[in-house]
């Protein structure tokens, strides 16, 4: 009670403006007291209205009252200071809406500095002191200020919950343990906390390890970003140089053609003019000769005529004009046609190669490759239309259906000679190169067919050119009885449902090549995990006359 009285005295002798003990106290007409400086400052702000009010009761005064120090009140304040009355706490010591307030403060409550789990209550520094001085209270569990203390009180028995029921996974009080939780697996809350604390530490260690792993990943990704930027910048720089060289080469060839045309033009015009001059000289000579003969024809003296005629009648050898051919002429039009043909060929090459370049750019994938699809619909997202290259087909392979189907024929086809043509085994490669993620399907019939992929530089002759029998190709051998996988001339027996359609999935960057049996469902037959060092080309090998393999439209 004595402490409460001190608290009342403190509030009674505090200024309601600054909330501190009165300093040079003055009492205004309504009876309320303030610090001299505080009330002056308050009224200075009301000078414009010429009406002055009390900050507490709002009573108004006019004119402005004259302030006189209340000497009695000043003496009381000084006396109380000497007897132990302290200055009011600073404003930041009082509890705000977000703070935990002391449960024992009266009037304006101070912030709590601790909460007691045993009491349960929250205390400011002053009211907490008994927990440090009184022996029984010293055993209480003090924690940081908490707003949830009431959650520790049993709603049924109004008692602190110090027991944990493992059966129901909830905190209970001692009365609960002999009532509705009787016979349950119970331990003290402290024991359960110790167990959970160990689990928490394990979880924290895992989280911290994961944080470290993720930080490493973030660092690696940052390095990857820098590497991607450097690589992209270099690719742009190098490609610009290469295209500049191409443009310079084309410009040089253009200049060479122009120079050759002009040189040939000069040569041909010179030849024509030379012949023209000879003909003009011959015309002049003939005209002179004609004039002489005309003059001779008018000679009346027969003897003179006969004497001069032999010399005048002889003509010089005529200029050879057999090369002159009067017809619609073509001079350099063939040059234009040849240049046009070159342009068309370059356009075809650029169109074909641009697809590869574009795909190569779009398939740059810094992060890990996407997982292999699980459904046919997923595979079809990566479907590629494959056409066969006639320049690689063995001469007894007939290509049809827009060069998507190959059939073994007894009769040789009229293919022109080409260095890319297979000359030993009956097989063919695709026109398109394959990089990135691709999927295609092959429908086959007959005795035996290999569904394969190969590098462009695979041998074209002799036994080592067969798909799957070297280190430059991979092949699934399909016959009427079994599947086998071939690589480096080594075969592996493959089990799976028989089907006339084989699906092939390629993830070039990840080094994954998978073969599937395709019917109503897809069944994995064989998967290869390797490193591909070049673009791949799809291919088929066929065994006997009438065997067919068709790359399906998907």
Protein backbone atom coordinates (compact mmCIF):
# COMPACT_ATOMS: atom_id res chain seq x y z
CA UNK A 1 0.00 0.00 0.00
CA UNK A 2 2.85 2.36 0.75
CA UNK A 3 4.16 1.86 -2.77
CA UNK A 4 0.73 2.64 -4.18
CA UNK A 5 0.71 5.88 -2.17
CA UNK A 6 4.05 6.93 -3.65
CA UNK A 7 2.68 6.21 -7.09
CA UNK A 8 -0.37 8.41 -6.38
CA UNK A 9 1.84 11.20 -5.09
CA UNK A 10 3.99 11.03 -8.20
CA UNK A 11 0.98 11.40 -10.45
CA UNK A 12 -0.45 14.18 -8.30
CA UNK A 13 2.70 16.26 -8.63
CA UNK A 14 3.30 15.62 -12.33
CA UNK A 15 2.64 18.09 -15.15
CA UNK A 16 0.01 16.69 -17.54
CA UNK A 17 1.76 18.37 -20.48
CA UNK A 18 5.35 17.04 -20.08
CA UNK A 19 4.38 14.13 -17.76
CA UNK A 20 7.36 14.95 -15.56
CA UNK A 21 7.49 16.33 -12.03
CA UNK A 22 6.35 19.95 -11.81
CA UNK A 23 9.09 22.50 -12.43
CA UNK A 24 8.34 26.12 -11.36
CA UNK A 25 4.70 25.09 -10.77
CA UNK A 26 1.87 27.54 -11.48
CA UNK A 27 -1.82 27.06 -10.71
CA UNK A 28 -4.33 28.59 -13.14
CA UNK A 29 -7.88 29.82 -12.31
CA UNK A 30 -9.53 26.37 -12.77
CA UNK A 31 -7.20 24.87 -10.14
CA UNK A 32 -4.97 22.73 -12.35
CA UNK A 33 -1.21 23.09 -12.05
CA UNK A 34 1.52 23.00 -14.71
CA UNK A 35 5.17 23.75 -15.22
CA UNK A 36 5.59 27.47 -15.91
CA UNK A 37 7.32 26.81 -19.27
CA UNK A 38 4.81 24.14 -20.34
CA UNK A 39 1.66 26.25 -19.91
CA UNK A 40 3.35 29.30 -21.43
CA UNK A 41 4.24 27.29 -24.52
CA UNK A 42 0.73 25.90 -24.73
CA UNK A 43 -0.86 29.36 -24.50
CA UNK A 44 1.61 30.87 -26.96
CA UNK A 45 0.03 28.66 -29.60
CA UNK A 46 -3.42 30.07 -28.72
CA UNK A 47 -2.37 33.72 -29.01
CA UNK A 48 -4.01 34.13 -32.42
CA UNK A 49 -7.45 33.16 -31.08
CA UNK A 50 -7.03 35.37 -27.98
CA UNK A 51 -8.88 32.66 -26.04
CA UNK A 52 -6.83 30.53 -23.63
CA UNK A 53 -7.86 27.15 -22.23
CA UNK A 54 -6.83 24.57 -19.63
CA UNK A 55 -5.23 21.51 -21.32
CA UNK A 56 -7.10 19.19 -18.88
CA UNK A 57 -10.61 20.59 -18.25
CA UNK A 58 -10.78 22.87 -21.36
CA UNK A 59 -12.09 25.82 -19.30
CA UNK A 60 -11.39 29.03 -21.26
CA UNK A 61 -10.00 32.36 -20.03
CA UNK A 62 -9.86 35.81 -21.55
CA UNK A 63 -7.74 37.81 -21.38
CA UNK A 64 -4.65 35.63 -20.95
CA UNK A 65 -4.17 35.00 -17.22
CA UNK A 66 -1.05 36.31 -15.52
CA UNK A 67 1.04 33.37 -14.32
CA UNK A 68 2.47 33.41 -10.80
CA UNK A 69 4.65 30.68 -9.35
CA UNK A 70 2.85 28.57 -6.73
CA UNK A 71 5.48 28.71 -4.00
CA UNK A 72 3.66 26.24 -1.72
CA UNK A 73 3.42 23.65 -4.47
CA UNK A 74 7.02 24.26 -5.44
CA UNK A 75 8.14 23.67 -1.85
CA UNK A 76 6.10 20.44 -1.64
CA UNK A 77 7.66 19.11 -4.85
CA UNK A 78 11.15 19.88 -3.57
CA UNK A 79 10.38 18.25 -0.22
CA UNK A 80 8.97 15.11 -1.86
CA UNK A 81 12.05 14.87 -4.09
CA UNK A 82 14.23 14.83 -1.00
CA UNK A 83 12.09 12.08 0.60
CA UNK A 84 12.48 9.72 -2.32
CA UNK A 85 9.93 10.77 -4.92
CA UNK A 86 11.58 10.21 -8.32
CA UNK A 87 10.89 11.88 -11.60
CA UNK A 88 8.15 10.37 -13.67
CA UNK A 89 9.29 7.73 -16.13
CA UNK A 90 10.09 8.93 -19.60
CA UNK A 91 7.23 8.59 -22.05
CA UNK A 92 8.91 5.70 -23.90
CA UNK A 93 8.77 3.65 -20.65
CA UNK A 94 4.96 3.54 -20.73
CA UNK A 95 3.25 0.62 -22.47
CA UNK A 96 1.87 1.32 -25.94
CA UNK A 97 -0.70 -0.68 -27.93
CA UNK A 98 1.95 -3.12 -29.18
CA UNK A 99 3.71 -3.53 -25.81
CA UNK A 100 3.09 -5.92 -22.92
CA UNK A 101 1.90 -3.83 -19.93
CA UNK A 102 2.74 -4.42 -16.29
CA UNK A 103 -0.24 -6.15 -14.63
CA UNK A 104 0.43 -4.42 -11.28
CA UNK A 105 0.77 -0.78 -12.36
CA UNK A 106 -2.23 1.45 -11.64
CA UNK A 107 -3.20 4.39 -13.79
CA UNK A 108 -0.95 4.68 -16.82
CA UNK A 109 0.85 1.32 -17.00
CA UNK A 110 4.57 0.89 -17.60
CA UNK A 111 6.07 -1.60 -20.06
CA UNK A 112 6.68 -5.07 -18.65
CA UNK A 113 10.28 -6.26 -18.71
CA UNK A 114 9.51 -9.86 -17.75
CA UNK A 115 6.57 -12.26 -17.61
CA UNK A 116 6.27 -15.04 -15.01
CA UNK A 117 5.00 -18.41 -16.24
CA UNK A 118 4.10 -19.48 -12.69
CA UNK A 119 2.07 -16.46 -11.55
CA UNK A 120 1.17 -15.92 -14.53
CA UNK A 121 1.61 -12.17 -14.86
CA UNK A 122 3.83 -9.51 -16.45
CA UNK A 123 5.90 -7.02 -14.44
CA UNK A 124 7.66 -3.71 -14.87
CA UNK A 125 11.10 -3.31 -13.30
CA UNK A 126 9.68 -2.03 -9.99
CA UNK A 127 6.98 -4.69 -9.56
CA UNK A 128 9.34 -7.46 -10.64
CA UNK A 129 11.68 -6.80 -7.72
CA UNK A 130 9.89 -9.26 -5.32
CA UNK A 131 10.75 -12.11 -7.73
CA UNK A 132 14.40 -11.33 -7.05
CA UNK A 133 14.01 -10.75 -3.28
CA UNK A 134 11.36 -13.24 -2.02
CA UNK A 135 12.65 -16.82 -1.76
CA UNK A 136 9.54 -18.68 -3.05
CA UNK A 137 9.23 -16.28 -5.99
CA UNK A 138 12.87 -16.78 -6.94
CA UNK A 139 11.96 -20.28 -8.19
CA UNK A 140 9.42 -18.93 -10.70
CA UNK A 141 10.18 -19.15 -14.42
CA UNK A 142 10.73 -15.65 -15.84
CA UNK A 143 10.60 -15.12 -19.60
CA UNK A 144 10.57 -12.18 -21.97
CA UNK A 145 7.33 -10.19 -21.89
CA UNK A 146 4.51 -12.28 -23.39
CA UNK A 147 0.93 -11.46 -24.37
CA UNK A 148 -0.02 -15.14 -24.43
CA UNK A 149 0.29 -15.92 -20.72
CA UNK A 150 -3.42 -16.70 -20.43
CA UNK A 151 -2.94 -19.49 -22.94
CA UNK A 152 -0.95 -21.27 -20.22
CA UNK A 153 -4.06 -21.37 -17.95
CA UNK A 154 -6.37 -24.38 -18.22
CA UNK A 155 -9.78 -23.11 -19.35
CA UNK A 156 -11.55 -25.83 -17.31
CA UNK A 157 -9.65 -25.76 -14.03
CA UNK A 158 -8.14 -22.25 -14.09
CA UNK A 159 -4.74 -23.76 -13.26
CA UNK A 160 -1.33 -23.38 -14.91
CA UNK A 161 -0.72 -26.15 -17.45
CA UNK A 162 2.59 -27.79 -16.58
CA UNK A 163 1.97 -31.23 -18.13
CA UNK A 164 2.00 -32.38 -21.76
CA UNK A 165 -0.26 -35.20 -22.93
CA UNK A 166 1.57 -37.08 -25.69
CA UNK A 167 -1.52 -39.14 -26.44
CA UNK A 168 -3.57 -36.06 -27.39
CA UNK A 169 -0.59 -33.83 -28.19
CA UNK A 170 -1.70 -30.94 -25.98
CA UNK A 171 -0.75 -29.12 -22.77
CA UNK A 172 -2.85 -29.89 -19.67
CA UNK A 173 -2.95 -29.04 -15.96
CA UNK A 174 -2.51 -31.50 -13.06
CA UNK A 175 -6.28 -31.86 -12.64
CA UNK A 176 -6.69 -32.74 -16.31
CA UNK A 177 -4.12 -35.54 -15.92
CA UNK A 178 -6.38 -37.33 -13.37
CA UNK A 179 -9.60 -36.45 -15.16
CA UNK A 180 -10.22 -36.70 -18.90
CA UNK A 181 -6.55 -37.48 -19.65
CA UNK A 182 -6.31 -40.26 -17.06
CA UNK A 183 -4.22 -43.18 -18.28
CA UNK A 184 -2.71 -41.15 -21.15
CA UNK A 185 1.01 -40.93 -21.84
CA UNK A 186 1.90 -37.71 -19.99
CA UNK A 187 5.19 -36.01 -19.15
CA UNK A 188 6.11 -32.65 -17.72
CA UNK A 189 5.98 -29.78 -20.16
CA UNK A 190 9.67 -29.22 -19.44
CA UNK A 191 10.54 -32.82 -20.40
CA UNK A 192 8.51 -32.61 -23.60
CA UNK A 193 10.16 -29.27 -24.35
CA UNK A 194 13.59 -30.88 -23.89
CA UNK A 195 12.66 -33.62 -26.39
CA UNK A 196 11.20 -31.18 -28.86
CA UNK A 197 14.19 -28.89 -28.34
CA UNK A 198 16.49 -31.68 -29.51
CA UNK A 199 14.30 -32.18 -32.58
CA UNK A 200 14.27 -28.43 -33.11
CA UNK A 201 18.08 -28.32 -33.03
CA UNK A 202 18.22 -31.13 -35.58
CA UNK A 203 15.72 -29.23 -37.75
CA UNK A 204 17.75 -26.05 -37.36
CA UNK A 205 20.91 -27.89 -38.37
CA UNK A 206 19.13 -29.19 -41.46
CA UNK A 207 17.80 -25.72 -42.22
CA UNK A 208 21.23 -24.15 -41.72
CA UNK A 209 22.79 -26.80 -43.92
CA UNK A 210 20.13 -26.15 -46.53
CA UNK A 211 20.78 -22.42 -46.23
CA UNK A 212 24.48 -23.05 -46.83
CA UNK A 213 23.67 -25.30 -49.78
CA UNK A 214 21.29 -22.73 -51.22
CA UNK A 215 23.84 -19.96 -50.71
CA UNK A 216 26.35 -22.07 -52.62
CA UNK A 217 23.71 -22.64 -55.31
CA UNK A 218 23.01 -18.91 -55.48
CA UNK A 219 26.73 -18.23 -55.79
CA UNK A 220 27.02 -20.87 -58.51
CA UNK A 221 24.02 -19.40 -60.32
CA UNK A 222 25.57 -15.94 -60.11
CA UNK A 223 28.75 -17.36 -61.60
CA UNK A 224 26.58 -19.06 -64.22
CA UNK A 225 24.91 -15.74 -65.06
CA UNK A 226 28.32 -14.16 -65.51
CA UNK A 227 29.47 -17.12 -67.61
CA UNK A 228 26.31 -16.98 -69.76
CA UNK A 229 26.79 -13.24 -70.27
CA UNK A 230 30.46 -13.72 -71.22
CA UNK A 231 29.61 -16.59 -73.54
CA UNK A 232 26.73 -14.68 -75.16
CA UNK A 233 28.90 -11.58 -75.63
CA UNK A 234 31.66 -13.66 -77.19
CA UNK A 235 29.17 -15.52 -79.41
CA UNK A 236 27.73 -12.19 -80.62
CA UNK A 237 31.22 -10.84 -81.25
CA UNK A 238 32.39 -14.01 -83.03
CA UNK A 239 29.21 -14.36 -85.10
CA UNK A 240 29.47 -10.71 -86.17
CA UNK A 241 33.06 -11.34 -87.28
CA UNK A 242 32.04 -14.47 -89.18
CA UNK A 243 29.09 -12.75 -90.88
CA UNK A 244 31.36 -9.78 -91.67
CA UNK A 245 33.82 -12.20 -93.28
CA UNK A 246 30.96 -13.78 -95.25
CA UNK A 247 29.77 -10.37 -96.41
CA UNK A 248 33.34 -9.40 -97.29
CA UNK A 249 33.78 -12.66 -99.22
CA UNK A 250 30.52 -12.13 -101.12
CA UNK A 251 31.52 -8.52 -101.82
CA UNK A 252 34.91 -9.72 -103.10
CA UNK A 253 33.26 -12.33 -105.30
CA UNK A 254 30.89 -9.63 -106.56
CA UNK A 255 33.88 -7.42 -107.34
CA UNK A 256 35.69 -10.35 -109.04
CA UNK A 257 32.66 -11.10 -111.21
CA UNK A 258 32.29 -7.43 -112.10
CA UNK A 259 36.01 -7.21 -112.98
CA UNK A 260 35.86 -10.39 -115.07
CA UNK A 261 32.77 -9.15 -116.90
CA UNK A 262 34.42 -5.79 -117.64
CA UNK A 263 37.64 -7.49 -118.73
CA UNK A 264 35.79 -9.89 -121.00
CA UNK A 265 33.65 -7.00 -122.24
CA UNK A 266 36.81 -5.08 -123.16
CA UNK A 267 38.32 -8.12 -124.91
CA UNK A 268 35.21 -8.89 -126.92
CA UNK A 269 34.56 -5.26 -127.85
CA UNK A 270 38.21 -4.93 -128.95
CA UNK A 271 37.90 -8.03 -131.17
CA UNK A 272 34.68 -6.72 -132.69
CA UNK A 273 36.16 -3.27 -133.29
CA UNK A 274 39.26 -4.80 -134.85
CA UNK A 275 37.12 -6.77 -137.29
CA UNK A 276 34.99 -3.70 -137.83
CA UNK A 277 38.05 -1.61 -138.76
CA UNK A 278 39.27 -4.29 -141.17
CA UNK A 279 35.88 -4.40 -142.84
CA UNK A 280 35.73 -0.61 -143.05
CA UNK A 281 39.25 -0.57 -144.62
CA UNK A 282 38.14 -3.25 -147.06
CA UNK A 283 35.04 -1.21 -147.95
CA UNK A 284 37.23 1.86 -148.61
CA UNK A 285 39.59 -0.22 -150.77
CA UNK A 286 36.68 -1.75 -152.69
CA UNK A 287 35.12 1.66 -153.28
CA UNK A 288 38.46 2.94 -154.60
CA UNK A 289 38.79 -0.14 -156.81
CA UNK A 290 35.20 0.29 -158.01
CA UNK A 291 35.92 3.94 -158.96
CA UNK A 292 39.03 2.91 -160.89
CA UNK A 293 37.14 0.20 -162.72
CA UNK A 294 34.35 2.61 -163.47
CA UNK A 295 36.83 5.07 -164.88
CA UNK A 296 38.47 2.30 -166.90
CA UNK A 297 35.09 1.27 -168.29
CA UNK A 298 34.76 4.71 -169.88
CA UNK A 299 38.15 4.55 -171.59
CA UNK A 300 37.68 4.82 -175.38
CA UNK A 301 41.17 3.62 -176.24
CA UNK A 302 40.89 -0.17 -176.55
CA UNK A 303 44.60 -0.77 -176.22
CA UNK A 304 44.79 1.36 -173.07
CA UNK A 305 41.81 -0.53 -171.57
CA UNK A 306 43.39 -3.88 -172.27
CA UNK A 307 46.71 -2.72 -170.87
CA UNK A 308 45.25 -1.46 -167.52
CA UNK A 309 42.55 -4.04 -166.94
CA UNK A 310 44.66 -6.91 -165.58
CA UNK A 311 46.09 -4.82 -162.74
CA UNK A 312 42.78 -3.20 -161.83
CA UNK A 313 40.66 -6.32 -161.95
CA UNK A 314 42.62 -8.19 -159.25
CA UNK A 315 41.02 -7.97 -155.77
CA UNK A 316 42.75 -8.46 -152.41
CA UNK A 317 41.75 -11.35 -150.10
CA UNK A 318 38.45 -10.53 -148.37
CA UNK A 319 38.37 -10.24 -144.56
CA UNK A 320 37.05 -13.41 -142.87
CA UNK A 321 33.56 -12.53 -141.55
CA UNK A 322 32.30 -16.06 -141.00
CA UNK A 323 32.23 -15.42 -137.23
CA UNK A 324 29.52 -12.86 -137.67
CA UNK A 325 26.21 -14.60 -137.01
CA UNK A 326 23.16 -12.46 -137.43
CA UNK A 327 20.72 -13.96 -134.85
CA UNK A 328 19.25 -13.07 -131.43
CA UNK A 329 22.47 -12.77 -129.43
CA UNK A 330 23.26 -13.75 -125.80
CA UNK A 331 26.38 -12.34 -124.31
CA UNK A 332 26.56 -12.07 -120.46
CA UNK A 333 23.03 -13.29 -119.69
CA UNK A 334 24.50 -16.71 -118.77
CA UNK A 335 26.66 -14.97 -116.16
CA UNK A 336 23.52 -13.51 -114.60
CA UNK A 337 21.93 -16.96 -114.62
CA UNK A 338 25.00 -18.49 -112.94
CA UNK A 339 25.00 -15.80 -110.24
CA UNK A 340 21.26 -16.31 -109.75
CA UNK A 341 21.85 -20.05 -109.32
CA UNK A 342 24.52 -19.31 -106.72
CA UNK A 343 22.10 -16.98 -104.92
CA UNK A 344 19.42 -19.68 -104.86
CA UNK A 345 21.88 -22.24 -103.53
CA UNK A 346 23.06 -19.84 -100.82
CA UNK A 347 19.46 -19.13 -99.88
CA UNK A 348 18.77 -22.86 -99.56
CA UNK A 349 21.89 -23.37 -97.47
CA UNK A 350 21.12 -20.37 -95.27
CA UNK A 351 17.53 -21.54 -94.82
CA UNK A 352 18.60 -25.07 -93.87
CA UNK A 353 21.50 -24.00 -91.65
CA UNK A 354 19.58 -21.11 -90.11
CA UNK A 355 17.11 -23.61 -88.65
CA UNK A 356 20.02 -25.40 -86.99
CA UNK A 357 21.54 -22.13 -85.75
CA UNK A 358 18.20 -20.92 -84.41
CA UNK A 359 17.52 -24.21 -82.65
CA UNK A 360 21.03 -24.22 -81.22
CA UNK A 361 20.46 -20.73 -79.79
CA UNK A 362 17.00 -21.45 -78.34
CA UNK A 363 18.16 -24.74 -76.85
CA UNK A 364 20.86 -23.16 -74.71
CA UNK A 365 19.76 -24.33 -71.26
CA UNK A 366 21.87 -23.24 -68.29
CA UNK A 367 19.85 -25.09 -65.68
CA UNK A 368 19.49 -28.83 -65.43
CA UNK A 369 17.70 -30.55 -68.28
CA UNK A 370 13.98 -31.08 -68.02
CA UNK A 371 12.99 -34.56 -66.81
CA UNK A 372 12.11 -37.05 -69.52
CA UNK A 373 8.38 -36.93 -70.31
CA UNK A 374 6.17 -39.68 -68.86
CA UNK A 375 3.36 -39.66 -71.42
CA UNK A 376 3.18 -39.68 -75.20
CA UNK A 377 1.55 -36.25 -75.08
CA UNK A 378 4.61 -35.05 -73.18
CA UNK A 379 6.95 -36.51 -75.81
CA UNK A 380 4.97 -34.98 -78.65
CA UNK A 381 5.86 -31.51 -77.35
CA UNK A 382 9.37 -32.21 -78.64
CA UNK A 383 8.35 -33.90 -81.93
CA UNK A 384 10.50 -33.19 -84.99
CA UNK A 385 9.57 -33.87 -88.60
CA UNK A 386 12.32 -36.05 -90.08
CA UNK A 387 13.03 -36.36 -93.81
CA UNK A 388 15.64 -38.65 -95.36
CA UNK A 389 18.58 -37.34 -97.37
CA UNK A 390 18.69 -38.96 -100.85
CA UNK A 391 22.41 -38.17 -101.04
CA UNK A 392 23.07 -40.66 -98.20
CA UNK A 393 20.73 -43.49 -99.33
CA UNK A 394 22.25 -46.70 -100.69
CA UNK A 395 21.41 -47.07 -104.36
CA UNK A 396 18.82 -49.86 -103.84
CA UNK A 397 16.79 -47.82 -101.31
CA UNK A 398 13.64 -46.20 -102.67
CA UNK A 399 12.62 -43.01 -100.85
CA UNK A 400 8.94 -42.04 -100.94
CA UNK A 401 6.23 -40.21 -98.99
CA UNK A 402 8.14 -36.95 -99.28
CA UNK A 403 11.44 -38.70 -98.45
CA UNK A 404 10.05 -39.96 -95.13
CA UNK A 405 9.80 -43.65 -96.12
CA UNK A 406 12.60 -46.03 -97.17
CA UNK A 407 11.97 -49.36 -98.95
CA UNK A 408 14.56 -51.97 -100.02
CA UNK A 409 14.27 -52.62 -103.78
CA UNK A 410 15.89 -55.20 -106.08
CA UNK A 411 16.40 -52.53 -108.70
CA UNK A 412 18.97 -49.84 -108.20
CA UNK A 413 17.67 -46.28 -108.11
CA UNK A 414 18.96 -43.53 -110.38
CA UNK A 415 20.90 -41.62 -107.74
CA UNK A 416 23.82 -39.44 -108.78
CA UNK A 417 27.25 -40.04 -107.31
CA UNK A 418 27.76 -38.34 -103.95
CA UNK A 419 30.46 -38.59 -101.24
CA UNK A 420 27.79 -38.88 -98.48
CA UNK A 421 26.20 -42.02 -99.99
CA UNK A 422 26.38 -45.35 -98.12
CA UNK A 423 27.92 -47.86 -100.47
CA UNK A 424 28.01 -51.08 -98.41
CA UNK A 425 25.05 -51.36 -96.01
CA UNK A 426 21.44 -50.63 -96.95
CA UNK A 427 20.92 -47.56 -94.78
CA UNK A 428 20.19 -43.83 -94.94
CA UNK A 429 20.52 -40.72 -92.73
CA UNK A 430 18.15 -37.80 -92.18
CA UNK A 431 18.56 -34.44 -93.83
CA UNK A 432 18.01 -32.64 -90.50
CA UNK A 433 20.64 -32.50 -87.77
CA UNK A 434 19.34 -33.09 -84.23
CA UNK A 435 20.35 -31.15 -81.13
CA UNK A 436 18.50 -30.14 -77.99
CA UNK A 437 15.39 -32.17 -77.08
CA UNK A 438 13.78 -34.09 -79.97
CA UNK A 439 11.26 -36.89 -80.40
CA UNK A 440 10.27 -38.89 -83.48
CA UNK A 441 8.62 -42.21 -84.32
CA UNK A 442 9.47 -44.85 -86.92
CA UNK A 443 6.89 -47.32 -88.31
CA UNK A 444 8.67 -50.44 -89.65
CA UNK A 445 7.72 -53.66 -91.43
CA UNK A 446 9.55 -56.70 -92.81
CA UNK A 447 12.19 -59.03 -91.41
CA UNK A 448 14.57 -56.67 -89.61
CA UNK A 449 15.14 -52.90 -89.25
CA UNK A 450 17.61 -50.81 -87.23
CA UNK A 451 16.29 -47.52 -85.81
CA UNK A 452 19.40 -45.43 -85.24
CA UNK A 453 21.13 -42.10 -84.69
CA UNK A 454 24.63 -41.28 -85.94
CA UNK A 455 27.18 -38.53 -86.34
CA UNK A 456 27.51 -36.99 -89.79
CA UNK A 457 31.12 -38.21 -90.13
CA UNK A 458 30.25 -41.91 -89.82
CA UNK A 459 32.05 -44.02 -92.42
CA UNK A 460 30.21 -44.50 -95.72
CA UNK A 461 31.93 -47.69 -96.88
CA UNK A 462 32.78 -51.20 -95.71
CA UNK A 463 31.62 -53.09 -92.67
CA UNK A 464 32.40 -50.37 -90.08
CA UNK A 465 29.74 -48.10 -91.56
CA UNK A 466 26.84 -50.19 -90.21
CA UNK A 467 24.75 -48.39 -87.58
CA UNK A 468 25.61 -49.56 -84.05
CA UNK A 469 28.83 -51.29 -85.14
CA UNK A 470 31.11 -48.31 -84.41
CA UNK A 471 31.53 -45.48 -81.88
CA UNK A 472 29.71 -42.94 -84.06
CA UNK A 473 26.21 -44.46 -84.00
CA UNK A 474 23.61 -46.02 -81.68
CA UNK A 475 20.98 -48.45 -82.98
CA UNK A 476 17.92 -50.43 -81.80
CA UNK A 477 17.69 -53.70 -83.77
CA UNK A 478 14.01 -54.63 -84.33
CA UNK A 479 13.07 -58.00 -85.81
CA UNK A 480 9.99 -60.19 -85.59
CA UNK A 481 11.21 -61.98 -82.44
CA UNK A 482 13.30 -59.62 -80.32
CA UNK A 483 14.95 -56.26 -79.70
CA UNK A 484 18.70 -55.70 -79.40
CA UNK A 485 20.68 -52.54 -78.78
CA UNK A 486 23.94 -52.06 -80.69
CA UNK A 487 26.91 -49.83 -79.87
CA UNK A 488 30.57 -50.31 -80.80
CA UNK A 489 29.70 -53.67 -82.38
CA UNK A 490 28.41 -54.96 -79.01
CA UNK A 491 24.78 -56.04 -78.74
CA UNK A 492 22.58 -55.98 -75.64
CA UNK A 493 19.37 -58.00 -75.52
CA UNK A 494 16.40 -55.73 -74.80
CA UNK A 495 13.06 -56.91 -73.40
CA UNK A 496 9.75 -55.20 -74.04
CA UNK A 497 6.39 -55.50 -75.82
CA UNK A 498 6.55 -56.05 -79.56
CA UNK A 499 5.36 -53.14 -81.67
CA UNK A 500 5.74 -52.03 -85.27
CA UNK A 501 6.31 -48.47 -84.08
CA UNK A 502 9.40 -47.26 -82.21
CA UNK A 503 9.62 -43.88 -80.49
CA UNK A 504 13.00 -42.16 -80.07
CA UNK A 505 13.64 -39.40 -77.49
CA UNK A 506 16.88 -37.41 -77.59
CA UNK A 507 18.11 -34.87 -75.05
CA UNK A 508 21.37 -33.98 -76.74
CA UNK A 509 22.69 -31.66 -74.03
CA UNK A 510 21.91 -34.11 -71.22
CA UNK A 511 23.34 -37.01 -73.25
CA UNK A 512 20.11 -39.04 -73.06
CA UNK A 513 18.90 -41.30 -75.88
CA UNK A 514 15.79 -43.43 -75.22
CA UNK A 515 13.94 -45.97 -77.35
CA UNK A 516 10.26 -46.74 -76.70
CA UNK A 517 7.81 -49.37 -77.90
CA UNK A 518 4.76 -47.37 -79.00
CA UNK A 519 1.26 -48.83 -79.12
CA UNK A 520 -1.68 -47.78 -76.97
CA UNK A 521 0.90 -47.08 -74.29
CA UNK A 522 4.61 -46.26 -74.36
CA UNK A 523 7.11 -48.70 -72.84
CA UNK A 524 10.77 -47.84 -72.37
CA UNK A 525 12.96 -50.38 -74.16
CA UNK A 526 16.44 -48.97 -73.65
CA UNK A 527 18.03 -45.74 -72.42
CA UNK A 528 21.56 -44.49 -73.11
CA UNK A 529 23.36 -41.97 -70.89
CA UNK A 530 26.47 -40.60 -72.57
CA UNK A 531 28.04 -37.39 -73.87
CA UNK A 532 27.28 -36.38 -77.44
CA UNK A 533 30.09 -34.37 -79.01
CA UNK A 534 28.44 -33.55 -82.36
CA UNK A 535 24.95 -33.00 -83.76
CA UNK A 536 23.15 -36.29 -84.46
CA UNK A 537 21.24 -37.49 -87.51
CA UNK A 538 18.37 -39.99 -87.47
CA UNK A 539 18.83 -43.08 -89.60
CA UNK A 540 17.49 -46.53 -90.50
CA UNK A 541 19.18 -49.75 -91.67
CA UNK A 542 17.07 -52.35 -93.52
CA UNK A 543 17.84 -56.05 -93.99
CA UNK A 544 15.96 -57.54 -96.94
CA UNK A 545 13.93 -56.76 -100.03
CA UNK A 546 10.55 -55.30 -99.15
CA UNK A 547 11.60 -54.13 -95.66
CA UNK A 548 10.29 -50.60 -94.99
CA UNK A 549 10.84 -47.87 -92.41
CA UNK A 550 8.78 -44.66 -92.34
CA UNK A 551 9.35 -41.59 -90.19
CA UNK A 552 5.83 -40.77 -89.00
CA UNK A 553 4.09 -37.42 -89.19
CA UNK A 554 3.18 -36.52 -85.59
